[in-house]
Amino acid sequence: MSFTVEVSIYLSHQITSRGLGTQLYNALFSSLREKSVHIVIGGITLPNAASIALHEKFGMEKVAHFKEVGYKFGKWLDVGYWQVKLDK
C-alpha cells in the first residue's frame, strides 16, 4: 500500500540559485519512489516564483490556492498547494 506525503525544504536566501533545492528534491523524490509513495504534496507561501519553479520542475501541478491564510512579516499571505502522483 502506498500513501500521500507532504514535503518541504527551506533554504536561506543567501544560498538560493545554486541547485541545492534540486539536489535535495532529487534525493527526496528518489527515496519516496523507493518507498512506493502514491502522492507528494507541497505547500508554498505566495508569492514565491523560485519555489513554484522548483516544484513544477519535479512535475508538480498547482491544485489549491488559499487566500490570506498565513500571516508573516506584518501582512497576510496566500498559500498554494502543488502535487504530483509518483506511482504512475
PDB file of N, CA and C in Angstrom:
ATOM      1  N   MET A   1       0.846  -1.181   0.000  1.00  0.00           N
ATOM      2  CA  MET A   1       0.000   0.000   0.000  1.00  0.00           C
ATOM      3  C   MET A   1       0.889   1.241   0.000  1.00  0.00           C
ATOM      4  N   SER A   2       0.467   2.246  -0.730  1.00  0.00           N
ATOM      5  CA  SER A   2       1.236   3.485  -0.768  1.00  0.00           C
ATOM      6  C   SER A   2       0.409   4.623  -0.183  1.00  0.00           C
ATOM      7  N   PHE A   3       1.084   5.685   0.175  1.00  0.00           N
ATOM      8  CA  PHE A   3       0.433   6.776   0.885  1.00  0.00           C
ATOM      9  C   PHE A   3       0.762   8.122   0.262  1.00  0.00           C
ATOM     10  N   THR A   4       0.174   9.153   0.837  1.00  0.00           N
ATOM     11  CA  THR A   4       0.443  10.535   0.455  1.00  0.00           C
ATOM     12  C   THR A   4       1.363  11.156   1.489  1.00  0.00           C
ATOM     13  N   VAL A   5       2.340  11.940   1.024  1.00  0.00           N
ATOM     14  CA  VAL A   5       3.245  12.641   1.936  1.00  0.00           C
ATOM     15  C   VAL A   5       3.293  14.115   1.553  1.00  0.00           C
ATOM     16  N   GLU A   6       3.562  14.949   2.554  1.00  0.00           N
ATOM     17  CA  GLU A   6       3.784  16.369   2.304  1.00  0.00           C
ATOM     18  C   GLU A   6       5.263  16.650   2.497  1.00  0.00           C
ATOM     19  N   VAL A   7       5.850  17.359   1.544  1.00  0.00           N
ATOM     20  CA  VAL A   7       7.280  17.661   1.598  1.00  0.00           C
ATOM     21  C   VAL A   7       7.506  19.160   1.680  1.00  0.00           C
ATOM     22  N   SER A   8       8.621  19.525   2.271  1.00  0.00           N
ATOM     23  CA  SER A   8       9.038  20.932   2.265  1.00  0.00           C
ATOM     24  C   SER A   8      10.524  21.005   2.569  1.00  0.00           C
ATOM     25  N   ILE A   9      11.174  21.953   1.941  1.00  0.00           N
ATOM     26  CA  ILE A   9      12.563  22.266   2.252  1.00  0.00           C
ATOM     27  C   ILE A   9      12.658  23.776   2.380  1.00  0.00           C
ATOM     28  N   TYR A  10      13.557  24.201   3.200  1.00  0.00           N
ATOM     29  CA  TYR A  10      13.757  25.627   3.402  1.00  0.00           C
ATOM     30  C   TYR A  10      15.224  25.947   3.189  1.00  0.00           C
ATOM     31  N   LEU A  11      15.491  26.914   2.321  1.00  0.00           N
ATOM     32  CA  LEU A  11      16.857  27.352   2.051  1.00  0.00           C
ATOM     33  C   LEU A  11      16.976  28.837   2.358  1.00  0.00           C
ATOM     34  N   SER A  12      18.081  29.215   2.931  1.00  0.00           N
ATOM     35  CA  SER A  12      18.356  30.628   3.166  1.00  0.00           C
ATOM     36  C   SER A  12      18.437  31.352   1.826  1.00  0.00           C
ATOM     37  N   HIS A  13      17.941  32.572   1.789  1.00  0.00           N
ATOM     38  CA  HIS A  13      18.032  33.362   0.554  1.00  0.00           C
ATOM     39  C   HIS A  13      19.488  33.554   0.127  1.00  0.00           C
ATOM     40  N   GLN A  14      20.405  33.411   1.055  1.00  0.00           N
ATOM     41  CA  GLN A  14      21.832  33.589   0.756  1.00  0.00           C
ATOM     42  C   GLN A  14      22.411  32.439  -0.063  1.00  0.00           C
ATOM     43  N   ILE A  15      21.707  31.300  -0.105  1.00  0.00           N
ATOM     44  CA  ILE A  15      22.256  30.150  -0.829  1.00  0.00           C
ATOM     45  C   ILE A  15      21.322  29.643  -1.929  1.00  0.00           C
ATOM     46  N   THR A  16      20.380  30.463  -2.364  1.00  0.00           N
ATOM     47  CA  THR A  16      19.488  30.032  -3.439  1.00  0.00           C
ATOM     48  C   THR A  16      20.175  30.179  -4.797  1.00  0.00           C
ATOM     49  N   SER A  17      19.569  29.600  -5.806  1.00  0.00           N
ATOM     50  CA  SER A  17      20.057  29.641  -7.201  1.00  0.00           C
ATOM     51  C   SER A  17      21.391  28.932  -7.382  1.00  0.00           C
ATOM     52  N   ARG A  18      21.641  27.927  -6.566  1.00  0.00           N
ATOM     53  CA  ARG A  18      22.867  27.122  -6.697  1.00  0.00           C
ATOM     54  C   ARG A  18      22.565  25.658  -7.001  1.00  0.00           C
ATOM     55  N   GLY A  19      21.292  25.348  -7.190  1.00  0.00           N
ATOM     56  CA  GLY A  19      20.914  23.967  -7.474  1.00  0.00           C
ATOM     57  C   GLY A  19      20.743  23.106  -6.243  1.00  0.00           C
ATOM     58  N   LEU A  20      20.814  23.697  -5.062  1.00  0.00           N
ATOM     59  CA  LEU A  20      20.693  22.904  -3.834  1.00  0.00           C
ATOM     60  C   LEU A  20      19.288  22.344  -3.656  1.00  0.00           C
ATOM     61  N   GLY A  21      18.274  23.138  -3.977  1.00  0.00           N
ATOM     62  CA  GLY A  21      16.898  22.658  -3.882  1.00  0.00           C
ATOM     63  C   GLY A  21      16.670  21.472  -4.804  1.00  0.00           C
ATOM     64  N   THR A  22      17.199  21.551  -6.011  1.00  0.00           N
ATOM     65  CA  THR A  22      17.079  20.452  -6.969  1.00  0.00           C
ATOM     66  C   THR A  22      17.782  19.205  -6.448  1.00  0.00           C
ATOM     67  N   GLN A  23      18.970  19.362  -5.900  1.00  0.00           N
ATOM     68  CA  GLN A  23      19.700  18.217  -5.348  1.00  0.00           C
ATOM     69  C   GLN A  23      18.934  17.576  -4.195  1.00  0.00           C
ATOM     70  N   LEU A  24      18.402  18.404  -3.312  1.00  0.00           N
ATOM     71  CA  LEU A  24      17.643  17.881  -2.173  1.00  0.00           C
ATOM     72  C   LEU A  24      16.382  17.159  -2.637  1.00  0.00           C
ATOM     73  N   TYR A  25      15.648  17.761  -3.571  1.00  0.00           N
ATOM     74  CA  TYR A  25      14.426  17.121  -4.059  1.00  0.00           C
ATOM     75  C   TYR A  25      14.739  15.865  -4.870  1.00  0.00           C
ATOM     76  N   ASN A  26      15.841  15.843  -5.630  1.00  0.00           N
ATOM     77  CA  ASN A  26      16.230  14.613  -6.332  1.00  0.00           C
ATOM     78  C   ASN A  26      16.401  13.472  -5.343  1.00  0.00           C
ATOM     79  N   ALA A  27      17.125  13.717  -4.268  1.00  0.00           N
ATOM     80  CA  ALA A  27      17.348  12.682  -3.251  1.00  0.00           C
ATOM     81  C   ALA A  27      16.040  12.296  -2.568  1.00  0.00           C
ATOM     82  N   LEU A  28      15.242  13.293  -2.216  1.00  0.00           N
ATOM     83  CA  LEU A  28      13.984  13.030  -1.522  1.00  0.00           C
ATOM     84  C   LEU A  28      13.013  12.253  -2.404  1.00  0.00           C
ATOM     85  N   PHE A  29      12.838  12.688  -3.652  1.00  0.00           N
ATOM     86  CA  PHE A  29      11.900  12.009  -4.546  1.00  0.00           C
ATOM     87  C   PHE A  29      12.365  10.590  -4.861  1.00  0.00           C
ATOM     88  N   SER A  30      13.664  10.379  -4.966  1.00  0.00           N
ATOM     89  CA  SER A  30      14.197   9.033  -5.180  1.00  0.00           C
ATOM     90  C   SER A  30      13.817   8.122  -4.015  1.00  0.00           C
ATOM     91  N   SER A  31      13.989   8.621  -2.815  1.00  0.00           N
ATOM     92  CA  SER A  31      13.634   7.857  -1.619  1.00  0.00           C
ATOM     93  C   SER A  31      12.131   7.585  -1.560  1.00  0.00           C
ATOM     94  N   LEU A  32      11.337   8.577  -1.920  1.00  0.00           N
ATOM     95  CA  LEU A  32       9.881   8.404  -1.886  1.00  0.00           C
ATOM     96  C   LEU A  32       9.425   7.378  -2.914  1.00  0.00           C
ATOM     97  N   ARG A  33      10.060   7.359  -4.087  1.00  0.00           N
ATOM     98  CA  ARG A  33       9.719   6.346  -5.102  1.00  0.00           C
ATOM     99  C   ARG A  33      10.069   4.943  -4.600  1.00  0.00           C
ATOM    100  N   GLU A  34      11.222   4.815  -3.943  1.00  0.00           N
ATOM    101  CA  GLU A  34      11.623   3.518  -3.386  1.00  0.00           C
ATOM    102  C   GLU A  34      10.617   3.026  -2.356  1.00  0.00           C
ATOM    103  N   LYS A  35       9.990   3.942  -1.663  1.00  0.00           N
ATOM    104  CA  LYS A  35       9.007   3.588  -0.640  1.00  0.00           C
ATOM    105  C   LYS A  35       7.594   3.491  -1.219  1.00  0.00           C
ATOM    106  N   SER A  36       7.478   3.588  -2.539  1.00  0.00           N
ATOM    107  CA  SER A  36       6.200   3.477  -3.250  1.00  0.00           C
ATOM    108  C   SER A  36       5.165   4.495  -2.784  1.00  0.00           C
ATOM    109  N   VAL A  37       5.613   5.718  -2.532  1.00  0.00           N
ATOM    110  CA  VAL A  37       4.679   6.781  -2.152  1.00  0.00           C
ATOM    111  C   VAL A  37       3.752   7.062  -3.328  1.00  0.00           C
ATOM    112  N   HIS A  38       2.487   7.258  -3.034  1.00  0.00           N
ATOM    113  CA  HIS A  38       1.460   7.480  -4.056  1.00  0.00           C
ATOM    114  C   HIS A  38       1.435   8.932  -4.534  1.00  0.00           C
ATOM    115  N   ILE A  39       1.219   9.874  -3.620  1.00  0.00           N
ATOM    116  CA  ILE A  39       1.094  11.293  -3.952  1.00  0.00           C
ATOM    117  C   ILE A  39       2.048  12.105  -3.084  1.00  0.00           C
ATOM    118  N   VAL A  40       2.681  13.109  -3.691  1.00  0.00           N
ATOM    119  CA  VAL A  40       3.515  14.064  -2.954  1.00  0.00           C
ATOM    120  C   VAL A  40       2.836  15.421  -3.065  1.00  0.00           C
ATOM    121  N   ILE A  41       2.653  16.095  -1.923  1.00  0.00           N
ATOM    122  CA  ILE A  41       2.099  17.444  -1.938  1.00  0.00           C
ATOM    123  C   ILE A  41       3.082  18.398  -1.268  1.00  0.00           C
ATOM    124  N   GLY A  42       3.009  19.651  -1.689  1.00  0.00           N
ATOM    125  CA  GLY A  42       3.865  20.679  -1.101  1.00  0.00           C
ATOM    126  C   GLY A  42       3.137  22.007  -1.050  1.00  0.00           C
ATOM    127  N   GLY A  43       3.197  22.665   0.092  1.00  0.00           N
ATOM    128  CA  GLY A  43       2.589  23.978   0.257  1.00  0.00           C
ATOM    129  C   GLY A  43       3.629  25.070   0.073  1.00  0.00           C
ATOM    130  N   ILE A  44       3.232  26.151  -0.578  1.00  0.00           N
ATOM    131  CA  ILE A  44       4.144  27.259  -0.858  1.00  0.00           C
ATOM    132  C   ILE A  44       3.477  28.562  -0.441  1.00  0.00           C
ATOM    133  N   THR A  45       4.158  29.334   0.411  1.00  0.00           N
ATOM    134  CA  THR A  45       3.680  30.672   0.727  1.00  0.00           C
ATOM    135  C   THR A  45       3.899  31.542  -0.501  1.00  0.00           C
ATOM    136  N   LEU A  46       2.856  32.237  -0.899  1.00  0.00           N
ATOM    137  CA  LEU A  46       2.902  33.015  -2.138  1.00  0.00           C
ATOM    138  C   LEU A  46       3.005  34.511  -1.864  1.00  0.00           C
ATOM    139  N   PRO A  47       3.684  35.222  -2.762  1.00  0.00           N
ATOM    140  CA  PRO A  47       4.350  34.769  -3.984  1.00  0.00           C
ATOM    141  C   PRO A  47       5.730  34.179  -3.690  1.00  0.00           C
ATOM    142  N   ASN A  48       6.140  33.235  -4.523  1.00  0.00           N
ATOM    143  CA  ASN A  48       7.464  32.629  -4.394  1.00  0.00           C
ATOM    144  C   ASN A  48       7.802  31.923  -5.715  1.00  0.00           C
ATOM    145  N   ALA A  49       8.211  32.694  -6.696  1.00  0.00           N
ATOM    146  CA  ALA A  49       8.467  32.173  -8.046  1.00  0.00           C
ATOM    147  C   ALA A  49       9.514  31.066  -8.057  1.00  0.00           C
ATOM    148  N   ALA A  50      10.558  31.194  -7.254  1.00  0.00           N
ATOM    149  CA  ALA A  50      11.619  30.181  -7.244  1.00  0.00           C
ATOM    150  C   ALA A  50      11.095  28.843  -6.730  1.00  0.00           C
ATOM    151  N   SER A  51      10.300  28.868  -5.671  1.00  0.00           N
ATOM    152  CA  SER A  51       9.754  27.632  -5.122  1.00  0.00           C
ATOM    153  C   SER A  51       8.751  27.000  -6.082  1.00  0.00           C
ATOM    154  N   ILE A  52       7.937  27.822  -6.709  1.00  0.00           N
ATOM    155  CA  ILE A  52       6.989  27.301  -7.702  1.00  0.00           C
ATOM    156  C   ILE A  52       7.753  26.617  -8.834  1.00  0.00           C
ATOM    157  N   ALA A  53       8.797  27.255  -9.334  1.00  0.00           N
ATOM    158  CA  ALA A  53       9.602  26.678 -10.421  1.00  0.00           C
ATOM    159  C   ALA A  53      10.220  25.349 -10.002  1.00  0.00           C
ATOM    160  N   LEU A  54      10.720  25.273  -8.776  1.00  0.00           N
ATOM    161  CA  LEU A  54      11.314  24.025  -8.286  1.00  0.00           C
ATOM    162  C   LEU A  54      10.268  22.918  -8.241  1.00  0.00           C
ATOM    163  N   HIS A  55       9.117  23.193  -7.669  1.00  0.00           N
ATOM    164  CA  HIS A  55       8.082  22.169  -7.567  1.00  0.00           C
ATOM    165  C   HIS A  55       7.601  21.724  -8.951  1.00  0.00           C
ATOM    166  N   GLU A  56       7.435  22.664  -9.854  1.00  0.00           N
ATOM    167  CA  GLU A  56       6.973  22.307 -11.194  1.00  0.00           C
ATOM    168  C   GLU A  56       8.045  21.570 -11.986  1.00  0.00           C
ATOM    169  N   LYS A  57       9.302  21.801 -11.674  1.00  0.00           N
ATOM    170  CA  LYS A  57      10.410  21.062 -12.292  1.00  0.00           C
ATOM    171  C   LYS A  57      10.293  19.570 -11.989  1.00  0.00           C
ATOM    172  N   PHE A  58       9.682  19.254 -10.844  1.00  0.00           N
ATOM    173  CA  PHE A  58       9.510  17.863 -10.438  1.00  0.00           C
ATOM    174  C   PHE A  58       8.122  17.327 -10.790  1.00  0.00           C
ATOM    175  N   GLY A  59       7.465  18.002 -11.739  1.00  0.00           N
ATOM    176  CA  GLY A  59       6.189  17.516 -12.246  1.00  0.00           C
ATOM    177  C   GLY A  59       4.984  17.873 -11.395  1.00  0.00           C
ATOM    178  N   MET A  60       5.185  18.682 -10.378  1.00  0.00           N
ATOM    179  CA  MET A  60       4.073  19.038  -9.507  1.00  0.00           C
ATOM    180  C   MET A  60       3.194  20.095 -10.183  1.00  0.00           C
ATOM    181  N   GLU A  61       1.898  19.982  -9.966  1.00  0.00           N
ATOM    182  CA  GLU A  61       0.927  20.914 -10.523  1.00  0.00           C
ATOM    183  C   GLU A  61       0.157  21.589  -9.397  1.00  0.00           C
ATOM    184  N   LYS A  62      -0.198  22.843  -9.611  1.00  0.00           N
ATOM    185  CA  LYS A  62      -0.965  23.576  -8.605  1.00  0.00           C
ATOM    186  C   LYS A  62      -2.375  23.002  -8.524  1.00  0.00           C
ATOM    187  N   VAL A  63      -2.802  22.688  -7.298  1.00  0.00           N
ATOM    188  CA  VAL A  63      -4.124  22.094  -7.099  1.00  0.00           C
ATOM    189  C   VAL A  63      -5.002  22.896  -6.147  1.00  0.00           C
ATOM    190  N   ALA A  64      -4.417  23.863  -5.437  1.00  0.00           N
ATOM    191  CA  ALA A  64      -5.219  24.655  -4.492  1.00  0.00           C
ATOM    192  C   ALA A  64      -4.564  26.005  -4.248  1.00  0.00           C
ATOM    193  N   HIS A  65      -5.404  26.971  -3.908  1.00  0.00           N
ATOM    194  CA  HIS A  65      -4.920  28.317  -3.585  1.00  0.00           C
ATOM    195  C   HIS A  65      -5.808  28.868  -2.469  1.00  0.00           C
ATOM    196  N   PHE A  66      -5.192  29.089  -1.315  1.00  0.00           N
ATOM    197  CA  PHE A  66      -5.914  29.625  -0.163  1.00  0.00           C
ATOM    198  C   PHE A  66      -5.483  31.067   0.047  1.00  0.00           C
ATOM    199  N   LYS A  67      -6.441  31.962   0.085  1.00  0.00           N
ATOM    200  CA  LYS A  67      -6.136  33.393   0.175  1.00  0.00           C
ATOM    201  C   LYS A  67      -6.044  33.863   1.621  1.00  0.00           C
ATOM    202  N   GLU A  68      -4.960  34.604   1.892  1.00  0.00           N
ATOM    203  CA  GLU A  68      -4.726  35.262   3.174  1.00  0.00           C
ATOM    204  C   GLU A  68      -4.877  34.323   4.374  1.00  0.00           C
ATOM    205  N   VAL A  69      -4.298  33.139   4.282  1.00  0.00           N
ATOM    206  CA  VAL A  69      -4.379  32.179   5.387  1.00  0.00           C
ATOM    207  C   VAL A  69      -3.117  32.166   6.247  1.00  0.00           C
ATOM    208  N   GLY A  70      -2.084  32.842   5.794  1.00  0.00           N
ATOM    209  CA  GLY A  70      -0.846  32.940   6.568  1.00  0.00           C
ATOM    210  C   GLY A  70      -0.545  34.387   6.890  1.00  0.00           C
ATOM    211  N   TYR A  71       0.102  34.602   8.027  1.00  0.00           N
ATOM    212  CA  TYR A  71       0.455  35.962   8.426  1.00  0.00           C
ATOM    213  C   TYR A  71       1.935  35.980   8.766  1.00  0.00           C
ATOM    214  N   LYS A  72       2.693  36.786   8.021  1.00  0.00           N
ATOM    215  CA  LYS A  72       4.139  36.825   8.204  1.00  0.00           C
ATOM    216  C   LYS A  72       4.639  38.204   7.809  1.00  0.00           C
ATOM    217  N   PHE A  73       5.592  38.704   8.564  1.00  0.00           N
ATOM    218  CA  PHE A  73       6.217  39.994   8.264  1.00  0.00           C
ATOM    219  C   PHE A  73       5.194  41.127   8.175  1.00  0.00           C
ATOM    220  N   GLY A  74       4.169  41.052   9.028  1.00  0.00           N
ATOM    221  CA  GLY A  74       3.192  42.127   9.110  1.00  0.00           C
ATOM    222  C   GLY A  74       2.145  42.158   8.018  1.00  0.00           C
ATOM    223  N   LYS A  75       2.011  41.059   7.261  1.00  0.00           N
ATOM    224  CA  LYS A  75       0.969  41.055   6.232  1.00  0.00           C
ATOM    225  C   LYS A  75       0.411  39.653   6.020  1.00  0.00           C
ATOM    226  N   TRP A  76      -0.805  39.627   5.507  1.00  0.00           N
ATOM    227  CA  TRP A  76      -1.467  38.368   5.191  1.00  0.00           C
ATOM    228  C   TRP A  76      -0.939  37.833   3.863  1.00  0.00           C
ATOM    229  N   LEU A  77      -0.737  36.517   3.828  1.00  0.00           N
ATOM    230  CA  LEU A  77      -0.176  35.884   2.635  1.00  0.00           C
ATOM    231  C   LEU A  77      -1.033  34.708   2.189  1.00  0.00           C
ATOM    232  N   ASP A  78      -1.026  34.468   0.894  1.00  0.00           N
ATOM    233  CA  ASP A  78      -1.710  33.313   0.323  1.00  0.00           C
ATOM    234  C   ASP A  78      -0.801  32.085   0.418  1.00  0.00           C
ATOM    235  N   VAL A  79      -1.420  30.912   0.380  1.00  0.00           N
ATOM    236  CA  VAL A  79      -0.678  29.651   0.341  1.00  0.00           C
ATOM    237  C   VAL A  79      -1.257  28.809  -0.788  1.00  0.00           C
ATOM    238  N   GLY A  80      -0.376  28.299  -1.635  1.00  0.00           N
ATOM    239  CA  GLY A  80      -0.785  27.407  -2.711  1.00  0.00           C
ATOM    240  C   GLY A  80      -0.285  26.003  -2.432  1.00  0.00           C
ATOM    241  N   TYR A  81      -0.977  25.017  -2.983  1.00  0.00           N
ATOM    242  CA  TYR A  81      -0.547  23.627  -2.845  1.00  0.00           C
ATOM    243  C   TYR A  81      -0.335  23.017  -4.220  1.00  0.00           C
ATOM    244  N   TRP A  82       0.773  22.302  -4.345  1.00  0.00           N
ATOM    245  CA  TRP A  82       1.146  21.590  -5.566  1.00  0.00           C
ATOM    246  C   TRP A  82       1.181  20.108  -5.244  1.00  0.00           C
ATOM    247  N   GLN A  83       0.928  19.266  -6.249  1.00  0.00           N
ATOM    248  CA  GLN A  83       1.011  17.822  -6.025  1.00  0.00           C
ATOM    249  C   GLN A  83       1.469  17.108  -7.286  1.00  0.00           C
ATOM    250  N   VAL A  84       1.991  15.898  -7.071  1.00  0.00           N
ATOM    251  CA  VAL A  84       2.367  15.016  -8.176  1.00  0.00           C
ATOM    252  C   VAL A  84       2.091  13.576  -7.751  1.00  0.00           C
ATOM    253  N   LYS A  85       1.676  12.770  -8.715  1.00  0.00           N
ATOM    254  CA  LYS A  85       1.467  11.345  -8.475  1.00  0.00           C
ATOM    255  C   LYS A  85       2.752  10.622  -8.848  1.00  0.00           C
ATOM    256  N   LEU A  86       3.319   9.880  -7.913  1.00  0.00           N
ATOM    257  CA  LEU A  86       4.587   9.185  -8.175  1.00  0.00           C
ATOM    258  C   LEU A  86       4.399   7.791  -8.745  1.00  0.00           C
ATOM    259  N   ASP A  87       3.406   7.058  -8.280  1.00  0.00           N
ATOM    260  CA  ASP A  87       3.234   5.663  -8.718  1.00  0.00           C
ATOM    261  C   ASP A  87       2.318   5.600  -9.936  1.00  0.00           C
ATOM    262  N   LYS A  88       2.889   5.976 -11.068  1.00  0.00           N
ATOM    263  CA  LYS A  88       2.099   6.059 -12.313  1.00  0.00           C
ATOM    264  C   LYS A  88       1.915   4.715 -12.957  1.00  0.00           C
TER     265      LYS A  88
END
